[in-house]
Amino acid sequence: KLVIGGSNPHLETLGTDVRRSKFAVEL
């Protein structure tokens, strides 16, 4: 589980990383 704040400027990039990951991950 990846916990990020609402002020994180990389939300879109992280969403892409999560979709491409090879393990179960929740943002």
All heavy atoms as atom14 arrays in JSON, in Angstrom:
{
  "sequence": "KLVIGGSNPHLETLGTDVRRSKFAVEL",
  "atom14_mask": [
    [1, 1, 1, 1, 1, 1, 1, 1, 1, 0, 0, 0, 0, 0],
    [1, 1, 1, 1, 1, 1, 1, 1, 0, 0, 0, 0, 0, 0],
    [1, 1, 1, 1, 1, 1, 1, 0, 0, 0, 0, 0, 0, 0],
    [1, 1, 1, 1, 1, 1, 1, 1, 0, 0, 0, 0, 0, 0],
    [1, 1, 1, 1, 0, 0, 0, 0, 0, 0, 0, 0, 0, 0],
    [1, 1, 1, 1, 0, 0, 0, 0, 0, 0, 0, 0, 0, 0],
    [1, 1, 1, 1, 1, 1, 0, 0, 0, 0, 0, 0, 0, 0],
    [1, 1, 1, 1, 1, 1, 1, 1, 0, 0, 0, 0, 0, 0],
    [1, 1, 1, 1, 1, 1, 1, 0, 0, 0, 0, 0, 0, 0],
    [1, 1, 1, 1, 1, 1, 1, 1, 1, 1, 0, 0, 0, 0],
    [1, 1, 1, 1, 1, 1, 1, 1, 0, 0, 0, 0, 0, 0],
    [1, 1, 1, 1, 1, 1, 1, 1, 1, 0, 0, 0, 0, 0],
    [1, 1, 1, 1, 1, 1, 1, 0, 0, 0, 0, 0, 0, 0],
    [1, 1, 1, 1, 1, 1, 1, 1, 0, 0, 0, 0, 0, 0],
    [1, 1, 1, 1, 0, 0, 0, 0, 0, 0, 0, 0, 0, 0],
    [1, 1, 1, 1, 1, 1, 1, 0, 0, 0, 0, 0, 0, 0],
    [1, 1, 1, 1, 1, 1, 1, 1, 0, 0, 0, 0, 0, 0],
    [1, 1, 1, 1, 1, 1, 1, 0, 0, 0, 0, 0, 0, 0],
    [1, 1, 1, 1, 1, 1, 1, 1, 1, 1, 1, 0, 0, 0],
    [1, 1, 1, 1, 1, 1, 1, 1, 1, 1, 1, 0, 0, 0],
    [1, 1, 1, 1, 1, 1, 0, 0, 0, 0, 0, 0, 0, 0],
    [1, 1, 1, 1, 1, 1, 1, 1, 1, 0, 0, 0, 0, 0],
    [1, 1, 1, 1, 1, 1, 1, 1, 1, 1, 1, 0, 0, 0],
    [1, 1, 1, 1, 1, 0, 0, 0, 0, 0, 0, 0, 0, 0],
    [1, 1, 1, 1, 1, 1, 1, 0, 0, 0, 0, 0, 0, 0],
    [1, 1, 1, 1, 1, 1, 1, 1, 1, 0, 0, 0, 0, 0],
    [1, 1, 1, 1, 1, 1, 1, 1, 0, 0, 0, 0, 0, 0]
  ],
  "atom14_positions": [
    [[0.87, -1.18, 0.0], [0.0, 0.0, 0.0], [0.91, 1.22, 0.0], [1.78, 1.36, 0.86], [-0.92, 0.01, 1.22], [-1.95, -1.14, 1.24], [-2.87, -1.02, 2.43], [-3.78, -2.23, 2.55], [-4.78, -2.34, 1.47], [0.0, 0.0, 0.0], [0.0, 0.0, 0.0], [0.0, 0.0, 0.0], [0.0, 0.0, 0.0], [0.0, 0.0, 0.0]],
    [[0.7, 2.1, -0.98], [1.48, 3.32, -1.1], [0.63, 4.48, -0.6], [-0.39, 4.82, -1.21], [1.89, 3.57, -2.55], [2.51, 2.42, -3.34], [2.82, 2.88, -4.76], [3.76, 1.91, -2.65], [0.0, 0.0, 0.0], [0.0, 0.0, 0.0], [0.0, 0.0, 0.0], [0.0, 0.0, 0.0], [0.0, 0.0, 0.0], [0.0, 0.0, 0.0]],
    [[1.04, 5.1, 0.5], [0.29, 6.2, 1.08], [0.96, 7.51, 0.69], [2.13, 7.74, 0.99], [0.23, 6.08, 2.62], [-0.53, 7.26, 3.22], [-0.42, 4.76, 3.02], [0.0, 0.0, 0.0], [0.0, 0.0, 0.0], [0.0, 0.0, 0.0], [0.0, 0.0, 0.0], [0.0, 0.0, 0.0], [0.0, 0.0, 0.0], [0.0, 0.0, 0.0]],
    [[0.21, 8.37, 0.01], [0.76, 9.67, -0.39], [-0.21, 10.77, 0.04], [-1.4, 10.52, 0.25], [1.01, 9.76, -1.91], [-0.3, 9.7, -2.68], [1.96, 8.66, -2.36], [-0.15, 10.0, -4.16], [0.0, 0.0, 0.0], [0.0, 0.0, 0.0], [0.0, 0.0, 0.0], [0.0, 0.0, 0.0], [0.0, 0.0, 0.0], [0.0, 0.0, 0.0]],
    [[0.31, 11.98, 0.19], [-0.52, 13.12, 0.56], [-1.14, 13.78, -0.64], [-0.7, 13.61, -1.78], [0.0, 0.0, 0.0], [0.0, 0.0, 0.0], [0.0, 0.0, 0.0], [0.0, 0.0, 0.0], [0.0, 0.0, 0.0], [0.0, 0.0, 0.0], [0.0, 0.0, 0.0], [0.0, 0.0, 0.0], [0.0, 0.0, 0.0], [0.0, 0.0, 0.0]],
    [[-2.17, 14.56, -0.37], [-2.85, 15.26, -1.45], [-1.99, 16.32, -2.1], [-2.29, 16.78, -3.2], [0.0, 0.0, 0.0], [0.0, 0.0, 0.0], [0.0, 0.0, 0.0], [0.0, 0.0, 0.0], [0.0, 0.0, 0.0], [0.0, 0.0, 0.0], [0.0, 0.0, 0.0], [0.0, 0.0, 0.0], [0.0, 0.0, 0.0], [0.0, 0.0, 0.0]],
    [[-0.89, 16.71, -1.43], [0.01, 17.7, -2.0], [1.13, 17.07, -2.83], [2.01, 17.77, -3.32], [0.62, 18.56, -0.88], [1.31, 17.75, 0.05], [0.0, 0.0, 0.0], [0.0, 0.0, 0.0], [0.0, 0.0, 0.0], [0.0, 0.0, 0.0], [0.0, 0.0, 0.0], [0.0, 0.0, 0.0], [0.0, 0.0, 0.0], [0.0, 0.0, 0.0]],
    [[1.09, 15.76, -3.01], [2.1, 15.09, -3.82], [1.94, 15.48, -5.28], [0.87, 15.28, -5.87], [1.97, 13.58, -3.66], [3.14, 12.81, -4.27], [3.45, 12.96, -5.45], [3.78, 11.98, -3.48], [0.0, 0.0, 0.0], [0.0, 0.0, 0.0], [0.0, 0.0, 0.0], [0.0, 0.0, 0.0], [0.0, 0.0, 0.0], [0.0, 0.0, 0.0]],
    [[2.99, 16.05, -5.89], [2.87, 16.53, -7.27], [3.03, 15.43, -8.32], [2.98, 15.73, -9.52], [4.01, 17.54, -7.38], [5.05, 17.03, -6.44], [4.3, 16.39, -5.3], [0.0, 0.0, 0.0], [0.0, 0.0, 0.0], [0.0, 0.0, 0.0], [0.0, 0.0, 0.0], [0.0, 0.0, 0.0], [0.0, 0.0, 0.0], [0.0, 0.0, 0.0]],
    [[3.23, 14.18, -7.89], [3.54, 13.1, -8.82], [2.43, 12.06, -8.91], [2.68, 10.9, -9.26], [4.85, 12.41, -8.41], [5.99, 13.35, -8.2], [6.62, 14.0, -9.24], [6.6, 13.78, -7.07], [7.58, 14.78, -8.76], [7.58, 14.66, -7.45], [0.0, 0.0, 0.0], [0.0, 0.0, 0.0], [0.0, 0.0, 0.0], [0.0, 0.0, 0.0]],
    [[1.2, 12.46, -8.6], [0.1, 11.5, -8.54], [-0.09, 10.76, -9.87], [-0.26, 9.54, -9.89], [-1.19, 12.23, -8.15], [-2.45, 11.37, -8.02], [-2.24, 10.26, -7.0], [-3.65, 12.23, -7.64], [0.0, 0.0, 0.0], [0.0, 0.0, 0.0], [0.0, 0.0, 0.0], [0.0, 0.0, 0.0], [0.0, 0.0, 0.0], [0.0, 0.0, 0.0]],
    [[-0.04, 11.48, -10.98], [-0.25, 10.84, -12.28], [0.85, 9.83, -12.59], [0.58, 8.71, -13.04], [-0.31, 11.91, -13.37], [-0.63, 11.36, -14.75], [-0.8, 12.45, -15.79], [-0.9, 13.64, -15.41], [-0.8, 12.11, -16.99], [0.0, 0.0, 0.0], [0.0, 0.0, 0.0], [0.0, 0.0, 0.0], [0.0, 0.0, 0.0], [0.0, 0.0, 0.0]],
    [[2.1, 10.2, -12.31], [3.22, 9.28, -12.55], [3.09, 8.04, -11.68], [3.32, 6.92, -12.14], [4.55, 9.99, -12.25], [4.69, 11.11, -13.12], [5.73, 9.04, -12.44], [0.0, 0.0, 0.0], [0.0, 0.0, 0.0], [0.0, 0.0, 0.0], [0.0, 0.0, 0.0], [0.0, 0.0, 0.0], [0.0, 0.0, 0.0], [0.0, 0.0, 0.0]],
    [[2.73, 8.24, -10.43], [2.59, 7.1, -9.52], [1.46, 6.18, -9.96], [1.57, 4.95, -9.84], [2.36, 7.6, -8.1], [3.57, 8.23, -7.42], [3.17, 8.92, -6.12], [4.64, 7.17, -7.14], [0.0, 0.0, 0.0], [0.0, 0.0, 0.0], [0.0, 0.0, 0.0], [0.0, 0.0, 0.0], [0.0, 0.0, 0.0], [0.0, 0.0, 0.0]],
    [[0.38, 6.77, -10.47], [-0.71, 5.94, -10.98], [-0.24, 5.03, -12.11], [-0.61, 3.86, -12.18], [0.0, 0.0, 0.0], [0.0, 0.0, 0.0], [0.0, 0.0, 0.0], [0.0, 0.0, 0.0], [0.0, 0.0, 0.0], [0.0, 0.0, 0.0], [0.0, 0.0, 0.0], [0.0, 0.0, 0.0], [0.0, 0.0, 0.0], [0.0, 0.0, 0.0]],
    [[0.59, 5.57, -12.99], [1.14, 4.77, -14.09], [2.06, 3.68, -13.54], [2.02, 2.53, -13.99], [1.92, 5.68, -15.06], [1.04, 6.68, -15.59], [2.53, 4.87, -16.19], [0.0, 0.0, 0.0], [0.0, 0.0, 0.0], [0.0, 0.0, 0.0], [0.0, 0.0, 0.0], [0.0, 0.0, 0.0], [0.0, 0.0, 0.0], [0.0, 0.0, 0.0]],
    [[2.91, 4.03, -12.57], [3.81, 3.05, -11.97], [3.04, 1.9, -11.32], [3.43, 0.73, -11.43], [4.69, 3.72, -10.91], [5.69, 4.68, -11.5], [5.95, 4.59, -12.72], [6.21, 5.54, -10.75], [0.0, 0.0, 0.0], [0.0, 0.0, 0.0], [0.0, 0.0, 0.0], [0.0, 0.0, 0.0], [0.0, 0.0, 0.0], [0.0, 0.0, 0.0]],
    [[1.95, 2.23, -10.65], [1.14, 1.21, -9.99], [0.53, 0.26, -11.02], [0.54, -0.97, -10.84], [0.04, 1.88, -9.13], [-1.02, 0.86, -8.72], [0.66, 2.52, -7.89], [0.0, 0.0, 0.0], [0.0, 0.0, 0.0], [0.0, 0.0, 0.0], [0.0, 0.0, 0.0], [0.0, 0.0, 0.0], [0.0, 0.0, 0.0], [0.0, 0.0, 0.0]],
    [[0.02, 0.79, -12.11], [-0.59, -0.06, -13.14], [0.43, -0.97, -13.8], [0.1, -2.09, -14.22], [-1.28, 0.82, -14.19], [-2.55, 1.5, -13.69], [-3.3, 2.17, -14.82], [-2.56, 3.3, -15.39], [-2.62, 4.53, -14.94], [-3.4, 4.82, -13.91], [-1.93, 5.51, -15.54], [0.0, 0.0, 0.0], [0.0, 0.0, 0.0], [0.0, 0.0, 0.0]],
    [[1.68, -0.53, -13.88], [2.71, -1.33, -14.53], [3.43, -2.29, -13.58], [4.21, -3.14, -14.03], [3.74, -0.4, -15.16], [3.22, 0.42, -16.33], [4.29, 1.4, -16.8], [3.85, 2.16, -17.97], [4.53, 3.16, -18.51], [5.71, 3.54, -17.98], [4.07, 3.81, -19.57], [0.0, 0.0, 0.0], [0.0, 0.0, 0.0], [0.0, 0.0, 0.0]],
    [[3.19, -2.17, -12.3], [3.95, -2.97, -11.33], [3.61, -4.46, -11.46], [2.52, -4.83, -11.89], [3.64, -2.49, -9.91], [2.3, -2.76, -9.57], [0.0, 0.0, 0.0], [0.0, 0.0, 0.0], [0.0, 0.0, 0.0], [0.0, 0.0, 0.0], [0.0, 0.0, 0.0], [0.0, 0.0, 0.0], [0.0, 0.0, 0.0], [0.0, 0.0, 0.0]],
    [[4.57, -5.29, -11.06], [4.42, -6.74, -11.16], [3.96, -7.37, -9.85], [3.91, -8.58, -9.72], [5.75, -7.36, -11.59], [6.25, -6.86, -12.94], [7.64, -7.38, -13.25], [8.17, -6.78, -14.55], [9.58, -7.2, -14.81], [0.0, 0.0, 0.0], [0.0, 0.0, 0.0], [0.0, 0.0, 0.0], [0.0, 0.0, 0.0], [0.0, 0.0, 0.0]],
    [[3.62, -6.54, -8.87], [3.12, -7.06, -7.6], [1.83, -6.31, -7.24], [1.51, -5.27, -7.83], [4.16, -6.9, -6.49], [4.6, -5.47, -6.25], [4.04, -4.71, -5.24], [5.58, -4.88, -7.05], [4.44, -3.4, -5.03], [5.99, -3.57, -6.84], [5.41, -2.82, -5.83], [0.0, 0.0, 0.0], [0.0, 0.0, 0.0], [0.0, 0.0, 0.0]],
    [[1.09, -6.86, -6.3], [-0.18, -6.26, -5.9], [0.09, -4.98, -5.13], [0.76, -5.0, -4.09], [-0.98, -7.23, -5.04], [0.0, 0.0, 0.0], [0.0, 0.0, 0.0], [0.0, 0.0, 0.0], [0.0, 0.0, 0.0], [0.0, 0.0, 0.0], [0.0, 0.0, 0.0], [0.0, 0.0, 0.0], [0.0, 0.0, 0.0], [0.0, 0.0, 0.0]],
    [[-0.44, -3.85, -5.61], [-0.16, -2.57, -4.97], [-1.38, -1.67, -5.06], [-2.07, -1.62, -6.08], [1.08, -1.9, -5.6], [0.92, -1.74, -7.1], [1.38, -0.57, -4.94], [0.0, 0.0, 0.0], [0.0, 0.0, 0.0], [0.0, 0.0, 0.0], [0.0, 0.0, 0.0], [0.0, 0.0, 0.0], [0.0, 0.0, 0.0], [0.0, 0.0, 0.0]],
    [[-1.63, -0.96, -3.97], [-2.75, -0.03, -3.89], [-2.22, 1.36, -3.55], [-1.37, 1.52, -2.67], [-3.75, -0.46, -2.81], [-4.91, 0.49, -2.61], [-5.79, 0.11, -1.43], [-5.52, -0.93, -0.8], [-6.74, 0.87, -1.14], [0.0, 0.0, 0.0], [0.0, 0.0, 0.0], [0.0, 0.0, 0.0], [0.0, 0.0, 0.0], [0.0, 0.0, 0.0]],
    [[-2.72, 2.37, -4.26], [-2.34, 3.74, -4.01], [-3.4, 4.39, -3.13], [-4.58, 4.42, -3.47], [-2.21, 4.5, -5.33], [-1.59, 5.89, -5.29], [-0.16, 5.85, -4.77], [-1.63, 6.54, -6.67], [0.0, 0.0, 0.0], [0.0, 0.0, 0.0], [0.0, 0.0, 0.0], [0.0, 0.0, 0.0], [0.0, 0.0, 0.0], [0.0, 0.0, 0.0]]
  ]
}
